[in-house]
mmCIF file of all heavy atoms, coordinates in Angstrom:
data_MODEL
# 
_entry.id   MODEL 
# 
loop_
_atom_site.group_PDB 
_atom_site.id 
_atom_site.type_symbol 
_atom_site.label_atom_id 
_atom_site.label_alt_id 
_atom_site.label_comp_id 
_atom_site.label_asym_id 
_atom_site.label_entity_id 
_atom_site.label_seq_id 
_atom_site.pdbx_PDB_ins_code 
_atom_site.Cartn_x 
_atom_site.Cartn_y 
_atom_site.Cartn_z 
_atom_site.occupancy 
_atom_site.B_iso_or_equiv 
_atom_site.pdbx_formal_charge 
_atom_site.auth_seq_id 
_atom_site.auth_comp_id 
_atom_site.auth_asym_id 
_atom_site.auth_atom_id 
_atom_site.pdbx_PDB_model_num 
ATOM 1   N N   . GLU A 1 1  ? 22.123 -12.609 -11.183 1.00 0.00 ? 1  GLU A N   1 
ATOM 2   C CA  . GLU A 1 1  ? 20.834 -11.985 -11.149 1.00 0.00 ? 1  GLU A CA  1 
ATOM 3   C C   . GLU A 1 1  ? 19.796 -12.821 -10.357 1.00 0.00 ? 1  GLU A C   1 
ATOM 4   O O   . GLU A 1 1  ? 18.941 -12.254 -9.632  1.00 0.00 ? 1  GLU A O   1 
ATOM 5   C CB  . GLU A 1 1  ? 20.286 -11.827 -12.538 1.00 0.00 ? 1  GLU A CB  1 
ATOM 6   C CG  . GLU A 1 1  ? 20.968 -10.699 -13.344 1.00 0.00 ? 1  GLU A CG  1 
ATOM 7   C CD  . GLU A 1 1  ? 20.607 -10.770 -14.869 1.00 0.00 ? 1  GLU A CD  1 
ATOM 8   O OE1 . GLU A 1 1  ? 19.973 -11.825 -15.252 1.00 0.00 ? 1  GLU A OE1 1 
ATOM 9   O OE2 . GLU A 1 1  ? 21.012 -9.887  -15.589 1.00 0.00 ? 1  GLU A OE2 1 
ATOM 10  N N   . ALA A 1 2  ? 19.956 -14.121 -10.365 1.00 0.00 ? 2  ALA A N   1 
ATOM 11  C CA  . ALA A 1 2  ? 19.148 -15.020 -9.419  1.00 0.00 ? 2  ALA A CA  1 
ATOM 12  C C   . ALA A 1 2  ? 19.339 -14.720 -8.001  1.00 0.00 ? 2  ALA A C   1 
ATOM 13  O O   . ALA A 1 2  ? 18.358 -14.716 -7.213  1.00 0.00 ? 2  ALA A O   1 
ATOM 14  C CB  . ALA A 1 2  ? 19.353 -16.409 -9.767  1.00 0.00 ? 2  ALA A CB  1 
ATOM 15  N N   . VAL A 1 3  ? 20.609 -14.498 -7.622  1.00 0.00 ? 3  VAL A N   1 
ATOM 16  C CA  . VAL A 1 3  ? 20.861 -14.192 -6.206  1.00 0.00 ? 3  VAL A CA  1 
ATOM 17  C C   . VAL A 1 3  ? 20.304 -12.868 -5.868  1.00 0.00 ? 3  VAL A C   1 
ATOM 18  O O   . VAL A 1 3  ? 19.685 -12.639 -4.791  1.00 0.00 ? 3  VAL A O   1 
ATOM 19  C CB  . VAL A 1 3  ? 22.428 -14.186 -6.004  1.00 0.00 ? 3  VAL A CB  1 
ATOM 20  C CG1 . VAL A 1 3  ? 22.708 -13.556 -4.602  1.00 0.00 ? 3  VAL A CG1 1 
ATOM 21  C CG2 . VAL A 1 3  ? 23.011 -15.561 -6.126  1.00 0.00 ? 3  VAL A CG2 1 
ATOM 22  N N   . ARG A 1 4  ? 20.426 -11.883 -6.686  1.00 0.00 ? 4  ARG A N   1 
ATOM 23  C CA  . ARG A 1 4  ? 19.847 -10.493 -6.372  1.00 0.00 ? 4  ARG A CA  1 
ATOM 24  C C   . ARG A 1 4  ? 18.346 -10.595 -6.221  1.00 0.00 ? 4  ARG A C   1 
ATOM 25  O O   . ARG A 1 4  ? 17.751 -9.978  -5.388  1.00 0.00 ? 4  ARG A O   1 
ATOM 26  C CB  . ARG A 1 4  ? 20.296 -9.486  -7.430  1.00 0.00 ? 4  ARG A CB  1 
ATOM 27  C CG  . ARG A 1 4  ? 19.793 -8.119  -7.116  1.00 0.00 ? 4  ARG A CG  1 
ATOM 28  C CD  . ARG A 1 4  ? 20.188 -7.141  -8.261  1.00 0.00 ? 4  ARG A CD  1 
ATOM 29  N NE  . ARG A 1 4  ? 19.828 -5.797  -7.865  1.00 0.00 ? 4  ARG A NE  1 
ATOM 30  C CZ  . ARG A 1 4  ? 18.697 -5.162  -8.189  1.00 0.00 ? 4  ARG A CZ  1 
ATOM 31  N NH1 . ARG A 1 4  ? 17.735 -5.930  -8.786  1.00 0.00 ? 4  ARG A NH1 1 
ATOM 32  N NH2 . ARG A 1 4  ? 18.422 -3.929  -7.872  1.00 0.00 ? 4  ARG A NH2 1 
ATOM 33  N N   . HIS A 1 5  ? 17.703 -11.370 -7.167  1.00 0.00 ? 5  HIS A N   1 
ATOM 34  C CA  . HIS A 1 5  ? 16.220 -11.454 -7.169  1.00 0.00 ? 5  HIS A CA  1 
ATOM 35  C C   . HIS A 1 5  ? 15.817 -12.141 -5.845  1.00 0.00 ? 5  HIS A C   1 
ATOM 36  O O   . HIS A 1 5  ? 14.861 -11.672 -5.228  1.00 0.00 ? 5  HIS A O   1 
ATOM 37  C CB  . HIS A 1 5  ? 15.815 -12.354 -8.350  1.00 0.00 ? 5  HIS A CB  1 
ATOM 38  C CG  . HIS A 1 5  ? 14.391 -12.610 -8.431  1.00 0.00 ? 5  HIS A CG  1 
ATOM 39  N ND1 . HIS A 1 5  ? 13.441 -11.640 -8.793  1.00 0.00 ? 5  HIS A ND1 1 
ATOM 40  C CD2 . HIS A 1 5  ? 13.679 -13.806 -8.175  1.00 0.00 ? 5  HIS A CD2 1 
ATOM 41  C CE1 . HIS A 1 5  ? 12.218 -12.244 -8.725  1.00 0.00 ? 5  HIS A CE1 1 
ATOM 42  N NE2 . HIS A 1 5  ? 12.327 -13.507 -8.340  1.00 0.00 ? 5  HIS A NE2 1 
ATOM 43  N N   . PHE A 1 6  ? 16.461 -13.131 -5.445  1.00 0.00 ? 6  PHE A N   1 
ATOM 44  C CA  . PHE A 1 6  ? 16.102 -13.859 -4.209  1.00 0.00 ? 6  PHE A CA  1 
ATOM 45  C C   . PHE A 1 6  ? 16.259 -12.868 -3.069  1.00 0.00 ? 6  PHE A C   1 
ATOM 46  O O   . PHE A 1 6  ? 15.391 -12.810 -2.106  1.00 0.00 ? 6  PHE A O   1 
ATOM 47  C CB  . PHE A 1 6  ? 16.990 -15.090 -3.964  1.00 0.00 ? 6  PHE A CB  1 
ATOM 48  C CG  . PHE A 1 6  ? 16.719 -15.759 -2.641  1.00 0.00 ? 6  PHE A CG  1 
ATOM 49  C CD1 . PHE A 1 6  ? 15.681 -16.675 -2.606  1.00 0.00 ? 6  PHE A CD1 1 
ATOM 50  C CD2 . PHE A 1 6  ? 17.468 -15.414 -1.547  1.00 0.00 ? 6  PHE A CD2 1 
ATOM 51  C CE1 . PHE A 1 6  ? 15.429 -17.303 -1.390  1.00 0.00 ? 6  PHE A CE1 1 
ATOM 52  C CE2 . PHE A 1 6  ? 17.177 -16.042 -0.305  1.00 0.00 ? 6  PHE A CE2 1 
ATOM 53  C CZ  . PHE A 1 6  ? 16.159 -16.954 -0.170  1.00 0.00 ? 6  PHE A CZ  1 
ATOM 54  N N   . VAL A 1 7  ? 17.381 -12.096 -2.957  1.00 0.00 ? 7  VAL A N   1 
ATOM 55  C CA  . VAL A 1 7  ? 17.598 -11.197 -1.785  1.00 0.00 ? 7  VAL A CA  1 
ATOM 56  C C   . VAL A 1 7  ? 16.487 -10.228 -1.764  1.00 0.00 ? 7  VAL A C   1 
ATOM 57  O O   . VAL A 1 7  ? 16.013 -9.864  -0.631  1.00 0.00 ? 7  VAL A O   1 
ATOM 58  C CB  . VAL A 1 7  ? 18.946 -10.525 -1.933  1.00 0.00 ? 7  VAL A CB  1 
ATOM 59  C CG1 . VAL A 1 7  ? 19.111 -9.462  -0.910  1.00 0.00 ? 7  VAL A CG1 1 
ATOM 60  C CG2 . VAL A 1 7  ? 20.007 -11.528 -1.700  1.00 0.00 ? 7  VAL A CG2 1 
ATOM 61  N N   . ILE A 1 8  ? 16.037 -9.698  -2.885  1.00 0.00 ? 8  ILE A N   1 
ATOM 62  C CA  . ILE A 1 8  ? 14.927 -8.715  -2.897  1.00 0.00 ? 8  ILE A CA  1 
ATOM 63  C C   . ILE A 1 8  ? 13.650 -9.313  -2.352  1.00 0.00 ? 8  ILE A C   1 
ATOM 64  O O   . ILE A 1 8  ? 12.954 -8.760  -1.471  1.00 0.00 ? 8  ILE A O   1 
ATOM 65  C CB  . ILE A 1 8  ? 14.757 -8.118  -4.305  1.00 0.00 ? 8  ILE A CB  1 
ATOM 66  C CG1 . ILE A 1 8  ? 15.898 -7.269  -4.770  1.00 0.00 ? 8  ILE A CG1 1 
ATOM 67  C CG2 . ILE A 1 8  ? 13.403 -7.407  -4.389  1.00 0.00 ? 8  ILE A CG2 1 
ATOM 68  C CD1 . ILE A 1 8  ? 15.829 -6.831  -6.173  1.00 0.00 ? 8  ILE A CD1 1 
ATOM 69  N N   . ARG A 1 9  ? 13.330 -10.521 -2.748  1.00 0.00 ? 9  ARG A N   1 
ATOM 70  C CA  . ARG A 1 9  ? 12.104 -11.158 -2.328  1.00 0.00 ? 9  ARG A CA  1 
ATOM 71  C C   . ARG A 1 9  ? 12.182 -11.491 -0.790  1.00 0.00 ? 9  ARG A C   1 
ATOM 72  O O   . ARG A 1 9  ? 11.210 -11.364 -0.075  1.00 0.00 ? 9  ARG A O   1 
ATOM 73  C CB  . ARG A 1 9  ? 11.868 -12.398 -3.086  1.00 0.00 ? 9  ARG A CB  1 
ATOM 74  C CG  . ARG A 1 9  ? 11.581 -12.158 -4.531  1.00 0.00 ? 9  ARG A CG  1 
ATOM 75  C CD  . ARG A 1 9  ? 11.132 -13.434 -5.299  1.00 0.00 ? 9  ARG A CD  1 
ATOM 76  N NE  . ARG A 1 9  ? 9.763  -13.932 -4.871  1.00 0.00 ? 9  ARG A NE  1 
ATOM 77  C CZ  . ARG A 1 9  ? 8.716  -13.465 -5.443  1.00 0.00 ? 9  ARG A CZ  1 
ATOM 78  N NH1 . ARG A 1 9  ? 8.710  -12.556 -6.372  1.00 0.00 ? 9  ARG A NH1 1 
ATOM 79  N NH2 . ARG A 1 9  ? 7.530  -13.957 -5.016  1.00 0.00 ? 9  ARG A NH2 1 
ATOM 80  N N   . ARG A 1 10 ? 13.363 -11.980 -0.374  1.00 0.00 ? 10 ARG A N   1 
ATOM 81  C CA  . ARG A 1 10 ? 13.482 -12.315 1.073   1.00 0.00 ? 10 ARG A CA  1 
ATOM 82  C C   . ARG A 1 10 ? 13.431 -11.030 1.865   1.00 0.00 ? 10 ARG A C   1 
ATOM 83  O O   . ARG A 1 10 ? 12.930 -11.090 3.038   1.00 0.00 ? 10 ARG A O   1 
ATOM 84  C CB  . ARG A 1 10 ? 14.808 -13.060 1.368   1.00 0.00 ? 10 ARG A CB  1 
ATOM 85  C CG  . ARG A 1 10 ? 14.849 -14.455 0.817   1.00 0.00 ? 10 ARG A CG  1 
ATOM 86  C CD  . ARG A 1 10 ? 13.923 -15.438 1.620   1.00 0.00 ? 10 ARG A CD  1 
ATOM 87  N NE  . ARG A 1 10 ? 12.539 -15.462 1.088   1.00 0.00 ? 10 ARG A NE  1 
ATOM 88  C CZ  . ARG A 1 10 ? 11.571 -16.074 1.661   1.00 0.00 ? 10 ARG A CZ  1 
ATOM 89  N NH1 . ARG A 1 10 ? 11.715 -16.689 2.814   1.00 0.00 ? 10 ARG A NH1 1 
ATOM 90  N NH2 . ARG A 1 10 ? 10.305 -16.092 1.099   1.00 0.00 ? 10 ARG A NH2 1 
ATOM 91  N N   . TRP A 1 11 ? 14.049 -9.993  1.494   1.00 0.00 ? 11 TRP A N   1 
ATOM 92  C CA  . TRP A 1 11 ? 14.071 -8.719  2.165   1.00 0.00 ? 11 TRP A CA  1 
ATOM 93  C C   . TRP A 1 11 ? 12.571 -8.251  2.395   1.00 0.00 ? 11 TRP A C   1 
ATOM 94  O O   . TRP A 1 11 ? 12.135 -7.833  3.454   1.00 0.00 ? 11 TRP A O   1 
ATOM 95  C CB  . TRP A 1 11 ? 14.872 -7.749  1.509   1.00 0.00 ? 11 TRP A CB  1 
ATOM 96  C CG  . TRP A 1 11 ? 15.303 -6.556  2.345   1.00 0.00 ? 11 TRP A CG  1 
ATOM 97  C CD1 . TRP A 1 11 ? 15.285 -6.526  3.745   1.00 0.00 ? 11 TRP A CD1 1 
ATOM 98  C CD2 . TRP A 1 11 ? 15.621 -5.203  1.997   1.00 0.00 ? 11 TRP A CD2 1 
ATOM 99  N NE1 . TRP A 1 11 ? 15.629 -5.264  4.195   1.00 0.00 ? 11 TRP A NE1 1 
ATOM 100 C CE2 . TRP A 1 11 ? 15.861 -4.533  3.145   1.00 0.00 ? 11 TRP A CE2 1 
ATOM 101 C CE3 . TRP A 1 11 ? 15.684 -4.668  0.728   1.00 0.00 ? 11 TRP A CE3 1 
ATOM 102 C CZ2 . TRP A 1 11 ? 16.286 -3.147  3.115   1.00 0.00 ? 11 TRP A CZ2 1 
ATOM 103 C CZ3 . TRP A 1 11 ? 16.139 -3.279  0.707   1.00 0.00 ? 11 TRP A CZ3 1 
ATOM 104 C CH2 . TRP A 1 11 ? 16.378 -2.523  1.847   1.00 0.00 ? 11 TRP A CH2 1 
ATOM 105 N N   . LYS A 1 12 ? 11.825 -8.311  1.357   1.00 0.00 ? 12 LYS A N   1 
ATOM 106 C CA  . LYS A 1 12 ? 10.412 -7.890  1.362   1.00 0.00 ? 12 LYS A CA  1 
ATOM 107 C C   . LYS A 1 12 ? 9.656  -8.707  2.363   1.00 0.00 ? 12 LYS A C   1 
ATOM 108 O O   . LYS A 1 12 ? 8.827  -8.315  3.117   1.00 0.00 ? 12 LYS A O   1 
ATOM 109 C CB  . LYS A 1 12 ? 9.780  -7.955  0.017   1.00 0.00 ? 12 LYS A CB  1 
ATOM 110 C CG  . LYS A 1 12 ? 8.260  -7.596  -0.107  1.00 0.00 ? 12 LYS A CG  1 
ATOM 111 C CD  . LYS A 1 12 ? 7.715  -7.743  -1.410  1.00 0.00 ? 12 LYS A CD  1 
ATOM 112 C CE  . LYS A 1 12 ? 6.245  -7.427  -1.378  1.00 0.00 ? 12 LYS A CE  1 
ATOM 113 N NZ  . LYS A 1 12 ? 5.463  -8.327  -0.551  1.00 0.00 ? 12 LYS A NZ  1 
ATOM 114 N N   . PHE A 1 13 ? 9.866  -10.091 2.182   1.00 0.00 ? 13 PHE A N   1 
ATOM 115 C CA  . PHE A 1 13 ? 9.127  -11.020 3.060   1.00 0.00 ? 13 PHE A CA  1 
ATOM 116 C C   . PHE A 1 13 ? 9.413  -10.758 4.563   1.00 0.00 ? 13 PHE A C   1 
ATOM 117 O O   . PHE A 1 13 ? 8.434  -10.749 5.300   1.00 0.00 ? 13 PHE A O   1 
ATOM 118 C CB  . PHE A 1 13 ? 9.615  -12.484 2.663   1.00 0.00 ? 13 PHE A CB  1 
ATOM 119 C CG  . PHE A 1 13 ? 9.022  -13.575 3.419   1.00 0.00 ? 13 PHE A CG  1 
ATOM 120 C CD1 . PHE A 1 13 ? 7.778  -14.119 3.105   1.00 0.00 ? 13 PHE A CD1 1 
ATOM 121 C CD2 . PHE A 1 13 ? 9.468  -13.995 4.653   1.00 0.00 ? 13 PHE A CD2 1 
ATOM 122 C CE1 . PHE A 1 13 ? 7.112  -15.095 3.874   1.00 0.00 ? 13 PHE A CE1 1 
ATOM 123 C CE2 . PHE A 1 13 ? 8.946  -15.022 5.422   1.00 0.00 ? 13 PHE A CE2 1 
ATOM 124 C CZ  . PHE A 1 13 ? 7.777  -15.551 5.001   1.00 0.00 ? 13 PHE A CZ  1 
ATOM 125 N N   . TRP A 1 14 ? 10.602 -10.591 4.895   1.00 0.00 ? 14 TRP A N   1 
ATOM 126 C CA  . TRP A 1 14 ? 10.951 -10.357 6.327   1.00 0.00 ? 14 TRP A CA  1 
ATOM 127 C C   . TRP A 1 14 ? 10.595 -8.916  6.772   1.00 0.00 ? 14 TRP A C   1 
ATOM 128 O O   . TRP A 1 14 ? 10.219 -8.778  7.997   1.00 0.00 ? 14 TRP A O   1 
ATOM 129 C CB  . TRP A 1 14 ? 12.295 -10.779 6.728   1.00 0.00 ? 14 TRP A CB  1 
ATOM 130 C CG  . TRP A 1 14 ? 12.575 -12.288 6.642   1.00 0.00 ? 14 TRP A CG  1 
ATOM 131 C CD1 . TRP A 1 14 ? 13.264 -12.947 5.712   1.00 0.00 ? 14 TRP A CD1 1 
ATOM 132 C CD2 . TRP A 1 14 ? 11.892 -13.232 7.427   1.00 0.00 ? 14 TRP A CD2 1 
ATOM 133 N NE1 . TRP A 1 14 ? 13.099 -14.359 5.952   1.00 0.00 ? 14 TRP A NE1 1 
ATOM 134 C CE2 . TRP A 1 14 ? 12.247 -14.514 7.058   1.00 0.00 ? 14 TRP A CE2 1 
ATOM 135 C CE3 . TRP A 1 14 ? 11.089 -13.092 8.608   1.00 0.00 ? 14 TRP A CE3 1 
ATOM 136 C CZ2 . TRP A 1 14 ? 11.916 -15.677 7.718   1.00 0.00 ? 14 TRP A CZ2 1 
ATOM 137 C CZ3 . TRP A 1 14 ? 10.635 -14.274 9.164   1.00 0.00 ? 14 TRP A CZ3 1 
ATOM 138 C CH2 . TRP A 1 14 ? 11.045 -15.549 8.780   1.00 0.00 ? 14 TRP A CH2 1 
ATOM 139 N N   . LEU A 1 15 ? 10.677 -7.925  5.987   1.00 0.00 ? 15 LEU A N   1 
ATOM 140 C CA  . LEU A 1 15 ? 10.223 -6.626  6.307   1.00 0.00 ? 15 LEU A CA  1 
ATOM 141 C C   . LEU A 1 15 ? 8.719  -6.624  6.618   1.00 0.00 ? 15 LEU A C   1 
ATOM 142 O O   . LEU A 1 15 ? 8.280  -5.936  7.490   1.00 0.00 ? 15 LEU A O   1 
ATOM 143 C CB  . LEU A 1 15 ? 10.555 -5.604  5.295   1.00 0.00 ? 15 LEU A CB  1 
ATOM 144 C CG  . LEU A 1 15 ? 12.049 -5.201  5.184   1.00 0.00 ? 15 LEU A CG  1 
ATOM 145 C CD1 . LEU A 1 15 ? 12.229 -4.128  4.027   1.00 0.00 ? 15 LEU A CD1 1 
ATOM 146 C CD2 . LEU A 1 15 ? 12.564 -4.576  6.447   1.00 0.00 ? 15 LEU A CD2 1 
ATOM 147 N N   . SER A 1 16 ? 8.046  -7.503  5.918   1.00 0.00 ? 16 SER A N   1 
ATOM 148 C CA  . SER A 1 16 ? 6.597  -7.607  6.076   1.00 0.00 ? 16 SER A CA  1 
ATOM 149 C C   . SER A 1 16 ? 6.189  -8.206  7.424   1.00 0.00 ? 16 SER A C   1 
ATOM 150 O O   . SER A 1 16 ? 5.036  -8.125  7.821   1.00 0.00 ? 16 SER A O   1 
ATOM 151 C CB  . SER A 1 16 ? 5.873  -8.372  4.959   1.00 0.00 ? 16 SER A CB  1 
ATOM 152 O OG  . SER A 1 16 ? 6.137  -7.778  3.652   1.00 0.00 ? 16 SER A OG  1 
ATOM 153 N N   . ARG A 1 17 ? 7.131  -8.837  8.087   1.00 0.00 ? 17 ARG A N   1 
ATOM 154 C CA  . ARG A 1 17 ? 6.941  -9.452  9.313   1.00 0.00 ? 17 ARG A CA  1 
ATOM 155 C C   . ARG A 1 17 ? 7.559  -8.729  10.488  1.00 0.00 ? 17 ARG A C   1 
ATOM 156 O O   . ARG A 1 17 ? 7.737  -9.327  11.564  1.00 0.00 ? 17 ARG A O   1 
ATOM 157 C CB  . ARG A 1 17 ? 7.422  -10.883 9.280   1.00 0.00 ? 17 ARG A CB  1 
ATOM 158 C CG  . ARG A 1 17 ? 6.300  -11.830 8.575   1.00 0.00 ? 17 ARG A CG  1 
ATOM 159 C CD  . ARG A 1 17 ? 6.980  -13.001 7.825   1.00 0.00 ? 17 ARG A CD  1 
ATOM 160 N NE  . ARG A 1 17 ? 5.932  -13.776 7.181   1.00 0.00 ? 17 ARG A NE  1 
ATOM 161 C CZ  . ARG A 1 17 ? 5.291  -13.413 6.080   1.00 0.00 ? 17 ARG A CZ  1 
ATOM 162 N NH1 . ARG A 1 17 ? 5.732  -12.215 5.467   1.00 0.00 ? 17 ARG A NH1 1 
ATOM 163 N NH2 . ARG A 1 17 ? 4.399  -14.110 5.483   1.00 0.00 ? 17 ARG A NH2 1 
ATOM 164 N N   . ARG A 1 18 ? 7.783  -7.433  10.267  1.00 0.00 ? 18 ARG A N   1 
ATOM 165 C CA  . ARG A 1 18 ? 8.231  -6.625  11.425  1.00 0.00 ? 18 ARG A CA  1 
ATOM 166 C C   . ARG A 1 18 ? 7.143  -6.311  12.357  1.00 0.00 ? 18 ARG A C   1 
ATOM 167 O O   . ARG A 1 18 ? 7.380  -6.025  13.523  1.00 0.00 ? 18 ARG A O   1 
ATOM 168 C CB  . ARG A 1 18 ? 8.810  -5.283  10.886  1.00 0.00 ? 18 ARG A CB  1 
ATOM 169 C CG  . ARG A 1 18 ? 10.123 -5.404  10.205  1.00 0.00 ? 18 ARG A CG  1 
ATOM 170 C CD  . ARG A 1 18 ? 10.401 -4.230  9.294   1.00 0.00 ? 18 ARG A CD  1 
ATOM 171 N NE  . ARG A 1 18 ? 10.487 -2.945  9.855   1.00 0.00 ? 18 ARG A NE  1 
ATOM 172 C CZ  . ARG A 1 18 ? 11.619 -2.381  10.316  1.00 0.00 ? 18 ARG A CZ  1 
ATOM 173 N NH1 . ARG A 1 18 ? 12.799 -3.018  10.145  1.00 0.00 ? 18 ARG A NH1 1 
ATOM 174 N NH2 . ARG A 1 18 ? 11.616 -1.102  10.814  1.00 0.00 ? 18 ARG A NH2 1 
ATOM 175 N N   . SER A 1 19 ? 5.946  -6.536  11.974  1.00 0.00 ? 19 SER A N   1 
ATOM 176 C CA  . SER A 1 19 ? 4.750  -6.297  12.871  1.00 0.00 ? 19 SER A CA  1 
ATOM 177 C C   . SER A 1 19 ? 3.635  -7.282  12.482  1.00 0.00 ? 19 SER A C   1 
ATOM 178 O O   . SER A 1 19 ? 3.804  -8.101  11.522  1.00 0.00 ? 19 SER A O   1 
ATOM 179 C CB  . SER A 1 19 ? 4.274  -4.879  12.759  1.00 0.00 ? 19 SER A CB  1 
ATOM 180 O OG  . SER A 1 19 ? 3.719  -4.608  11.472  1.00 0.00 ? 19 SER A OG  1 
ATOM 181 N N   . HIS A 1 20 ? 2.496  -7.207  13.114  1.00 0.00 ? 20 HIS A N   1 
ATOM 182 C CA  . HIS A 1 20 ? 1.374  -8.049  12.805  1.00 0.00 ? 20 HIS A CA  1 
ATOM 183 C C   . HIS A 1 20 ? 0.454  -7.474  11.677  1.00 0.00 ? 20 HIS A C   1 
ATOM 184 O O   . HIS A 1 20 ? -0.565 -8.004  11.334  1.00 0.00 ? 20 HIS A O   1 
ATOM 185 C CB  . HIS A 1 20 ? 0.490  -8.234  14.096  1.00 0.00 ? 20 HIS A CB  1 
ATOM 186 C CG  . HIS A 1 20 ? 1.211  -8.844  15.183  1.00 0.00 ? 20 HIS A CG  1 
ATOM 187 N ND1 . HIS A 1 20 ? 1.601  -10.223 15.089  1.00 0.00 ? 20 HIS A ND1 1 
ATOM 188 C CD2 . HIS A 1 20 ? 1.658  -8.501  16.395  1.00 0.00 ? 20 HIS A CD2 1 
ATOM 189 C CE1 . HIS A 1 20 ? 2.186  -10.575 16.280  1.00 0.00 ? 20 HIS A CE1 1 
ATOM 190 N NE2 . HIS A 1 20 ? 2.296  -9.520  16.994  1.00 0.00 ? 20 HIS A NE2 1 
ATOM 191 N N   . LYS A 1 21 ? 0.900  -6.404  11.094  1.00 0.00 ? 21 LYS A N   1 
ATOM 192 C CA  . LYS A 1 21 ? 0.141  -5.796  10.044  1.00 0.00 ? 21 LYS A CA  1 
ATOM 193 C C   . LYS A 1 21 ? 0.323  -6.730  8.763   1.00 0.00 ? 21 LYS A C   1 
ATOM 194 O O   . LYS A 1 21 ? 1.147  -7.561  8.662   1.00 0.00 ? 21 LYS A O   1 
ATOM 195 C CB  . LYS A 1 21 ? 0.597  -4.394  9.685   1.00 0.00 ? 21 LYS A CB  1 
ATOM 196 C CG  . LYS A 1 21 ? 0.430  -3.413  10.829  1.00 0.00 ? 21 LYS A CG  1 
ATOM 197 C CD  . LYS A 1 21 ? 0.971  -2.071  10.512  1.00 0.00 ? 21 LYS A CD  1 
ATOM 198 C CE  . LYS A 1 21 ? 0.766  -1.018  11.640  1.00 0.00 ? 21 LYS A CE  1 
ATOM 199 N NZ  . LYS A 1 21 ? 1.280  0.242   11.312  1.00 0.00 ? 21 LYS A NZ  1 
ATOM 200 N N   . SER A 1 22 ? -0.484 -6.393  7.733   1.00 0.00 ? 22 SER A N   1 
ATOM 201 C CA  . SER A 1 22 ? -0.483 -7.154  6.531   1.00 0.00 ? 22 SER A CA  1 
ATOM 202 C C   . SER A 1 22 ? 0.876  -6.967  5.804   1.00 0.00 ? 22 SER A C   1 
ATOM 203 O O   . SER A 1 22 ? 1.611  -6.020  6.080   1.00 0.00 ? 22 SER A O   1 
ATOM 204 C CB  . SER A 1 22 ? -1.630 -6.780  5.571   1.00 0.00 ? 22 SER A CB  1 
ATOM 205 O OG  . SER A 1 22 ? -1.552 -5.300  5.296   1.00 0.00 ? 22 SER A OG  1 
ATOM 206 N N   . ALA A 1 23 ? 1.156  -7.852  4.844   1.00 0.00 ? 23 ALA A N   1 
ATOM 207 C CA  . ALA A 1 23 ? 2.411  -7.817  4.173   1.00 0.00 ? 23 ALA A CA  1 
ATOM 208 C C   . ALA A 1 23 ? 2.503  -6.497  3.266   1.00 0.00 ? 23 ALA A C   1 
ATOM 209 O O   . ALA A 1 23 ? 1.560  -5.833  2.967   1.00 0.00 ? 23 ALA A O   1 
ATOM 210 C CB  . ALA A 1 23 ? 2.482  -9.027  3.152   1.00 0.00 ? 23 ALA A CB  1 
ATOM 211 N N   . ILE A 1 24 ? 3.775  -6.113  3.119   1.00 0.00 ? 24 ILE A N   1 
ATOM 212 C CA  . ILE A 1 24 ? 4.096  -4.824  2.403   1.00 0.00 ? 24 ILE A CA  1 
ATOM 213 C C   . ILE A 1 24 ? 3.672  -5.036  0.869   1.00 0.00 ? 24 ILE A C   1 
ATOM 214 O O   . ILE A 1 24 ? 4.203  -6.025  0.290   1.00 0.00 ? 24 ILE A O   1 
ATOM 215 C CB  . ILE A 1 24 ? 5.479  -4.449  2.449   1.00 0.00 ? 24 ILE A CB  1 
ATOM 216 C CG1 . ILE A 1 24 ? 5.903  -4.139  3.973   1.00 0.00 ? 24 ILE A CG1 1 
ATOM 217 C CG2 . ILE A 1 24 ? 5.795  -3.184  1.651   1.00 0.00 ? 24 ILE A CG2 1 
ATOM 218 C CD1 . ILE A 1 24 ? 7.437  -3.912  4.113   1.00 0.00 ? 24 ILE A CD1 1 
# 
């Protein structure tokens, strides 16, 4: 569950940096 939790947070973090807009 810890691995899955981390993957979710990292995915959100890097999707938020696809552009210069604010975080998702």
